[in-house]
Protein backbone atom coordinates (compact mmCIF):
# COMPACT_ATOMS: atom_id res chain seq x y z
CA MET A 1 0.00 0.00 0.00
CA VAL A 2 2.83 2.34 0.95
CA ARG A 3 4.76 1.31 -2.18
CA GLN A 4 1.74 2.11 -4.38
CA LYS A 5 1.46 5.55 -2.82
CA LYS A 6 5.16 6.20 -3.41
CA GLN A 7 4.85 5.10 -7.04
CA LYS A 8 1.81 7.33 -7.51
CA CYS A 9 3.66 10.29 -5.98
CA SER A 10 6.65 9.64 -8.20
CA LYS A 11 4.44 9.59 -11.32
CA LEU A 12 2.74 12.82 -10.27
CA LEU A 13 6.11 14.43 -9.60
CA LEU A 14 7.39 13.31 -12.99
CA LEU A 15 4.31 14.63 -14.76
CA SER A 16 4.62 17.92 -12.89
CA CYS A 17 8.26 18.25 -13.88
CA LEU A 18 7.43 17.50 -17.50
CA ALA A 19 4.65 20.07 -17.42
CA VAL A 20 6.95 22.72 -15.99
CA ILE A 21 9.61 21.90 -18.57
CA GLY A 22 6.99 22.14 -21.31
CA VAL A 23 5.77 25.53 -20.12
CA ILE A 24 9.32 26.83 -19.91
CA TRP A 25 10.10 25.57 -23.44
CA TYR A 26 6.88 27.09 -24.85
CA ARG A 27 7.49 30.41 -23.17
CA SER A 28 11.06 30.53 -24.39
CA LYS A 29 9.94 29.94 -27.99
CA LYS A 30 7.14 32.48 -27.67
CA SER A 31 9.57 34.93 -26.14
CA ASP A 32 11.99 34.48 -29.03
CA TYR A 33 9.18 35.09 -31.50
CA SER A 34 7.83 38.09 -29.60
CA LEU A 35 11.24 39.68 -29.35
CA SER A 36 11.72 39.31 -33.07
CA MET A 37 8.40 41.00 -33.74
CA ALA A 38 8.23 43.63 -30.98
CA PRO A 39 10.43 46.71 -30.63
CA ARG A 40 13.50 46.30 -28.48
CA ALA A 41 13.41 47.84 -25.03
CA ALA A 42 14.61 51.42 -25.22
CA LEU A 43 18.11 52.04 -23.94
CA ALA A 44 18.64 54.67 -21.28
CA PRO A 45 19.08 58.05 -23.01
CA SER A 46 22.60 59.41 -23.26
CA ASN A 47 23.60 62.71 -21.66
CA GLU A 48 23.34 64.35 -25.07
CA GLU A 49 19.82 62.98 -25.59
CA LEU A 50 18.77 64.12 -22.11
CA GLU A 51 20.09 67.59 -22.88
CA GLN A 52 18.13 67.60 -26.12
CA LEU A 53 14.90 66.53 -24.36
CA ASN A 54 15.40 69.23 -21.74
CA GLU A 55 15.78 71.80 -24.51
CA TYR A 56 12.49 70.68 -26.08
CA ARG A 57 10.73 70.98 -22.72
CA ALA A 58 12.30 74.40 -22.16
CA ARG A 59 10.94 75.64 -25.51
CA LYS A 60 7.40 74.79 -24.45
CA GLU A 61 7.85 76.23 -20.97
CA ARG A 62 9.25 79.47 -22.40
CA ILE A 63 6.18 79.92 -24.60
CA LYS A 64 3.86 79.34 -21.66
CA GLU A 65 5.76 81.80 -19.45
CA VAL A 66 5.85 84.55 -22.10
CA CYS A 67 2.18 84.10 -22.96
CA GLN A 68 1.23 84.38 -19.29
CA ARG A 69 3.47 87.40 -18.76
CA HIS A 70 1.76 89.21 -21.65
CA ASN A 71 -1.68 88.01 -20.55
CA MET A 72 -2.15 86.17 -23.86
CA TYR A 73 -2.46 82.61 -22.58
CA ARG A 74 -6.02 81.56 -23.33
CA ARG A 75 -8.11 79.21 -25.43
CA PHE A 76 -10.41 80.26 -28.23
CA SER A 77 -14.03 80.06 -27.10
CA SER A 78 -15.56 79.64 -30.56
CA TYR A 79 -14.65 79.64 -34.22
CA ALA A 80 -16.06 83.16 -34.45
CA ASP A 81 -13.50 84.06 -31.79
CA VAL A 82 -10.72 82.68 -34.01
CA PHE A 83 -12.05 84.46 -37.08
CA ARG A 84 -12.51 87.75 -35.27
CA ASN A 85 -9.21 87.84 -33.36
CA HIS A 86 -6.82 85.70 -35.34
CA ASN A 87 -7.58 85.82 -39.03
CA PRO A 88 -4.42 83.98 -40.22
CA LEU A 89 -5.44 80.90 -38.22
CA ALA A 90 -9.01 80.95 -39.51
CA GLN A 91 -9.63 79.41 -42.92
CA GLY A 92 -12.33 81.85 -43.99
CA ARG A 93 -15.69 80.96 -42.52
CA THR A 94 -15.27 77.21 -43.02
CA GLY A 95 -15.12 76.36 -39.31
CA ARG A 96 -11.60 74.98 -39.77
CA ILE A 97 -8.34 76.32 -38.41
CA ARG A 98 -5.21 76.53 -40.49
CA LEU A 99 -3.31 73.51 -39.20
CA ARG A 100 -2.27 71.27 -42.09
CA THR A 101 -3.23 67.74 -41.15
CA ASN A 102 -2.74 64.13 -42.17
CA HIS A 103 -5.92 62.93 -40.47
CA PRO A 104 -5.50 59.14 -40.84
CA TYR A 105 -1.96 59.30 -39.48
CA GLY A 106 -2.75 61.83 -36.73
CA ILE A 107 -0.15 64.49 -37.56
CA SER A 108 -0.97 68.20 -37.61
CA ALA A 109 1.25 71.26 -38.05
CA CYS A 110 1.22 75.02 -38.44
CA LEU A 111 3.27 76.26 -41.40
CA ILE A 112 5.51 79.28 -40.98
CA HIS A 113 6.80 80.38 -44.36
CA LYS A 114 10.60 80.60 -44.62
CA ALA A 115 10.92 78.36 -41.54
CA ALA A 116 11.45 74.89 -43.06
CA SER A 117 7.83 74.84 -44.26
CA ASN A 118 8.62 72.34 -47.03
CA THR A 119 10.12 69.99 -44.46
CA VAL A 120 6.99 70.36 -42.34
CA ILE A 121 4.80 69.50 -45.31
CA SER A 122 6.98 66.47 -46.02
CA PHE A 123 6.33 65.11 -42.51
CA LEU A 124 2.62 65.55 -43.09
CA PHE A 125 2.08 64.27 -46.61
CA ILE A 126 5.25 62.80 -48.14
CA ILE A 127 7.04 60.76 -45.46
CA PRO A 128 4.07 58.91 -43.85
CA PRO A 129 3.10 55.51 -45.29
CA ASN A 130 -0.20 56.88 -46.65
CA ARG A 131 1.63 59.43 -48.86
CA LYS A 132 0.00 57.96 -51.96
CA ASP A 133 -3.22 59.63 -50.81
CA TYR A 134 -1.58 63.06 -50.75
CA TYR A 135 0.16 63.69 -54.03
CA LEU A 136 0.51 67.46 -53.99
CA GLY A 137 2.55 67.99 -57.15
CA ASN A 138 4.74 71.08 -57.07
CA ASN A 139 2.26 73.38 -55.32
CA TRP A 140 2.46 72.03 -51.79
CA HIS A 141 1.68 75.26 -49.97
CA PRO A 142 -1.60 76.21 -51.70
CA LEU A 143 -2.79 72.63 -52.10
CA SER A 144 -2.03 71.75 -48.49
CA SER A 145 -4.48 74.48 -47.42
CA ASN A 146 -7.36 72.49 -48.91
CA THR A 147 -10.18 72.51 -46.36
CA SER A 148 -10.17 68.71 -46.00
CA LEU A 149 -6.52 68.85 -44.89
CA LEU A 150 -7.16 71.31 -42.05
CA GLN A 151 -8.41 70.85 -38.48
CA PRO A 152 -12.11 71.21 -37.61
CA PHE A 153 -12.58 73.64 -34.75
CA GLN A 154 -14.27 70.90 -32.71
CA ASN A 155 -10.98 69.01 -32.62
CA TYR A 156 -9.36 72.10 -31.13
CA ILE A 157 -12.06 72.28 -28.44
CA ARG A 158 -11.36 68.64 -27.54
CA GLY A 159 -7.59 69.17 -27.42
CA PHE A 160 -6.79 67.46 -30.74
CA PRO A 161 -7.34 63.90 -29.44
CA GLY A 162 -5.14 61.40 -31.26
CA TYR A 163 -3.08 64.10 -33.01
CA PHE A 164 0.54 65.15 -32.68
CA VAL A 165 0.61 68.91 -33.27
CA PHE A 166 3.86 70.71 -34.00
CA MET A 167 5.46 73.81 -35.51
CA VAL A 168 8.95 74.85 -36.64
CA VAL A 169 10.24 78.37 -35.99
CA ARG A 170 13.22 80.45 -37.08
CA HIS A 171 15.07 83.59 -36.02
CA PRO A 172 12.80 86.46 -37.20
CA PHE A 173 15.62 88.32 -38.96
CA ALA A 174 16.79 85.14 -40.71
CA ARG A 175 13.26 84.63 -42.05
CA LEU A 176 13.27 88.15 -43.53
CA VAL A 177 16.68 87.67 -45.18
CA SER A 178 15.58 84.31 -46.58
CA SER A 179 12.43 85.89 -48.00
CA TYR A 180 14.37 88.80 -49.48
CA ARG A 181 16.89 86.45 -51.13
CA ASP A 182 14.12 84.24 -52.46
CA ARG A 183 11.67 86.86 -53.68
CA VAL A 184 13.92 89.77 -54.59
CA THR A 185 17.45 88.72 -55.44
CA HIS A 186 16.68 85.26 -56.81
CA ALA A 187 14.46 84.32 -59.75
CA GLY A 188 16.64 86.46 -61.99
CA GLY A 189 16.16 89.46 -59.72
CA LYS A 190 12.78 90.10 -61.33
CA ASN A 191 10.29 88.32 -59.12
CA ASP A 192 6.83 89.83 -59.45
CA ASP A 193 5.92 88.60 -55.95
CA VAL A 194 7.88 91.53 -54.61
CA LYS A 195 5.64 94.01 -56.40
CA THR A 196 3.18 94.55 -53.55
CA GLU A 197 1.59 97.57 -51.96
CA VAL A 198 3.87 97.31 -48.96
CA PHE A 199 6.62 98.90 -51.04
CA TYR A 200 4.43 101.66 -52.39
CA GLN A 201 4.03 102.89 -48.83
CA ASN A 202 7.70 103.91 -48.82
CA PRO A 203 8.64 106.98 -50.91
CA ASN A 204 12.29 105.85 -51.03
CA ILE A 205 11.32 103.04 -53.38
CA THR A 206 10.41 104.33 -56.81
CA LEU A 207 7.32 103.11 -58.60
CA GLU A 208 9.38 102.93 -61.77
CA ALA A 209 11.79 100.44 -60.20
CA LEU A 210 8.93 98.21 -59.09
CA ALA A 211 7.04 98.54 -62.36
CA ASN A 212 10.09 97.21 -64.20
CA TYR A 213 10.70 94.51 -61.58
CA LYS A 214 14.07 96.01 -60.76
CA TRP A 215 16.15 94.88 -57.82
CA VAL A 216 15.11 96.48 -54.52
CA PRO A 217 17.93 97.22 -52.03
CA PHE A 218 17.71 95.35 -48.72
CA ASP A 219 17.65 98.55 -46.66
CA ALA A 220 14.67 99.78 -48.70
CA PHE A 221 12.95 96.42 -48.16
CA ILE A 222 13.40 96.81 -44.39
CA LYS A 223 12.19 100.43 -44.41
CA ALA A 224 9.08 99.28 -46.28
CA LEU A 225 8.37 96.68 -43.59
CA LEU A 226 8.82 99.28 -40.87
CA VAL A 227 5.93 101.37 -42.20
CA ALA A 228 3.74 98.37 -43.05
CA ASP A 229 1.20 96.63 -40.86
CA VAL A 230 2.97 93.26 -40.86
CA LYS A 231 0.00 91.55 -39.25
CA ASP A 232 -3.15 92.63 -41.03
CA SER A 233 -2.16 94.31 -44.28
CA PRO A 234 -3.40 92.24 -47.25
CA TYR A 235 -0.26 93.25 -49.12
CA VAL A 236 2.19 91.73 -46.67
CA GLU A 237 3.50 88.31 -47.67
CA TRP A 238 3.12 85.33 -45.32
CA ASP A 239 6.91 85.28 -45.07
CA TRP A 240 6.87 88.61 -43.23
CA LYS A 241 4.07 87.95 -40.74
CA PRO A 242 5.23 87.28 -37.15
CA ALA A 243 5.25 83.56 -36.35
CA ASN A 244 3.19 84.11 -33.20
CA TYR A 245 0.47 85.75 -35.28
CA VAL A 246 0.41 82.94 -37.83
CA CYS A 247 0.40 79.99 -35.40
CA ALA A 248 -1.05 81.37 -32.13
CA PRO A 249 1.18 79.44 -29.69
CA CYS A 250 -0.57 81.22 -26.80
CA ASN A 251 -3.85 79.63 -27.89
CA ILE A 252 -2.70 76.20 -29.07
CA ASP A 253 -0.72 73.76 -26.95
CA TYR A 254 1.81 72.41 -29.47
CA ASP A 255 3.35 69.02 -28.70
CA PHE A 256 6.65 70.00 -30.27
CA ILE A 257 8.39 73.21 -31.33
CA GLY A 258 11.26 72.68 -33.74
CA LYS A 259 13.87 75.22 -34.77
CA VAL A 260 15.48 75.72 -38.16
CA GLU A 261 18.77 76.43 -36.40
CA ASN A 262 18.71 72.83 -35.10
CA ILE A 263 16.80 71.34 -37.99
CA SER A 264 19.01 68.25 -38.44
CA GLN A 265 18.56 67.15 -34.82
CA ASP A 266 14.94 68.21 -34.63
CA ILE A 267 13.72 66.34 -37.70
CA ILE A 268 15.41 63.15 -36.45
CA TYR A 269 13.66 63.55 -33.10
CA LEU A 270 10.39 64.33 -34.89
CA ALA A 271 10.74 61.17 -36.99
CA GLN A 272 11.35 59.13 -33.84
CA ARG A 273 8.34 60.62 -32.05
CA LEU A 274 6.14 59.89 -35.05
CA GLY A 275 7.57 56.44 -35.72
CA LEU A 276 8.70 57.52 -39.18
CA GLU A 277 12.46 56.89 -39.03
CA LYS A 278 12.50 54.19 -41.73
CA GLU A 279 10.02 56.08 -43.89
CA MET A 280 12.12 59.24 -43.65
CA MET A 281 15.23 57.36 -44.75
CA ASN A 282 13.34 56.00 -47.76
CA VAL A 283 12.40 59.42 -49.09
CA THR A 284 15.40 61.60 -48.27
CA GLY A 285 17.89 62.65 -50.92
CA ASN A 286 17.72 65.32 -53.60
CA ASN A 287 13.97 65.74 -53.35
CA PRO A 288 12.64 69.25 -54.01
CA TRP A 289 10.51 69.27 -50.86
CA MET A 290 13.41 68.89 -48.44
CA HIS A 291 14.51 71.94 -46.50
CA ARG A 292 17.56 73.40 -48.19
CA THR A 293 18.56 76.30 -45.94
CA THR A 294 22.13 75.92 -44.74
CA GLU A 295 22.56 75.50 -41.01
CA GLY A 296 25.27 77.12 -38.95
CA ASP A 297 27.84 79.72 -39.95
CA SER A 298 26.88 80.01 -43.61
CA SER A 299 23.29 81.06 -42.91
CA THR A 300 24.34 83.22 -39.97
CA ASN A 301 26.94 85.04 -42.04
CA TYR A 302 24.40 85.78 -44.78
CA VAL A 303 22.09 87.45 -42.26
CA LYS A 304 24.89 89.47 -40.68
CA GLN A 305 26.04 90.66 -44.10
CA TYR A 306 22.57 91.92 -44.99
CA PHE A 307 21.91 93.58 -41.65
CA ALA A 308 25.28 95.32 -41.78
CA GLN A 309 23.56 97.56 -44.36
CA ILE A 310 20.84 98.60 -41.89
CA SER A 311 21.10 101.45 -39.41
CA LYS A 312 20.92 100.64 -35.71
CA SER A 313 17.76 102.68 -35.33
CA ASP A 314 16.03 100.66 -38.06
CA ILE A 315 17.30 97.38 -36.59
CA PHE A 316 15.81 98.19 -33.19
CA ALA A 317 12.57 99.42 -34.78
CA LEU A 318 12.33 96.13 -36.67
CA TYR A 319 13.05 94.23 -33.47
CA GLU A 320 10.08 95.95 -31.82
CA LYS A 321 7.81 94.75 -34.63
CA TYR A 322 8.89 91.13 -34.09
CA LYS A 323 9.68 91.36 -30.38
CA LEU A 324 7.11 88.79 -29.30
CA ASP A 325 8.64 86.19 -31.64
CA PHE A 326 12.06 86.87 -30.11
CA GLU A 327 10.65 86.34 -26.61
CA LEU A 328 8.42 83.34 -27.32
CA PHE A 329 11.00 81.30 -29.17
CA GLY A 330 14.13 82.28 -27.29
CA TYR A 331 15.95 84.35 -29.89
CA ASP A 332 18.26 87.30 -29.29
CA ILE A 333 18.78 90.33 -31.50
CA ASN A 334 22.53 89.88 -31.05
CA ASP A 335 22.44 86.34 -32.45
CA LEU A 336 22.54 87.56 -36.04
CA VAL A 337 23.27 91.27 -35.86
CA ASN A 338 26.64 92.85 -35.11
CA GLN A 339 26.08 95.65 -32.60
CA SER A 340 29.72 96.82 -32.43
């Protein structure tokens, strides 16, 4: 009787051991499969990566602090409120705000002209896997403002659920130099985009020169901006409007604020956040939509050369016009202007 019990216990122990071994084997195989299919555990960020993340947080905190200091930190109460107080953000009376959006992929952005706007559009409509649905040809800017590619105001009220909302900014003076080089000195020096009423407001610029699409000196360009209403005048190009006026960072809580001055790092981080690293690698190269402004000393030197032509009084007057952009996005007038 005792022997039978011992044999029974031995069989049960053997079966239990086999069961445990089987579970361990199954789990090990499943684990191997899962690891091959699932993303690897993220490594601890390096000191450089931590510094970068802190910078991104600081950009958002700076905007919040400046908006509160100027008593501008508030949410729009209605679309009529947007239309009445912030016309650039309102797309007419459509009930949609001017945030270009890839709805299926959940990416939304505010475009600031002459601040890597082509790169921004690429992250919306060219890099994501559903890019075949968004062939925009060569007219990305106007076509990307199609009403179906904007954000309904109701999404704003709900806090853009399921969307990653971002913007890319640039030193205000660098934007102006980039616009001047693009619209005035490039295109054979006879770009009809420059023939706008903003220049007619300045008597130092002759109507004859503009009528013949002649080159306009940079100092005359700046003087014209000084007398223009850079926010509301219908004759002022998007390139010249303050970034805070175009994108309303005091009214919209952006998930990410990139900077042209750090564009290489920032687009890599943006690709990582959006899970588009492989897709970005597949479409980079000599594509016309990629941002082509030179980073670093080359771009900085261009700006300094142009502003060396401008009087100090005009430089400080221009700074006052774009002062809020300087404060919101952490730029300094001395970054690109020699004050010696």
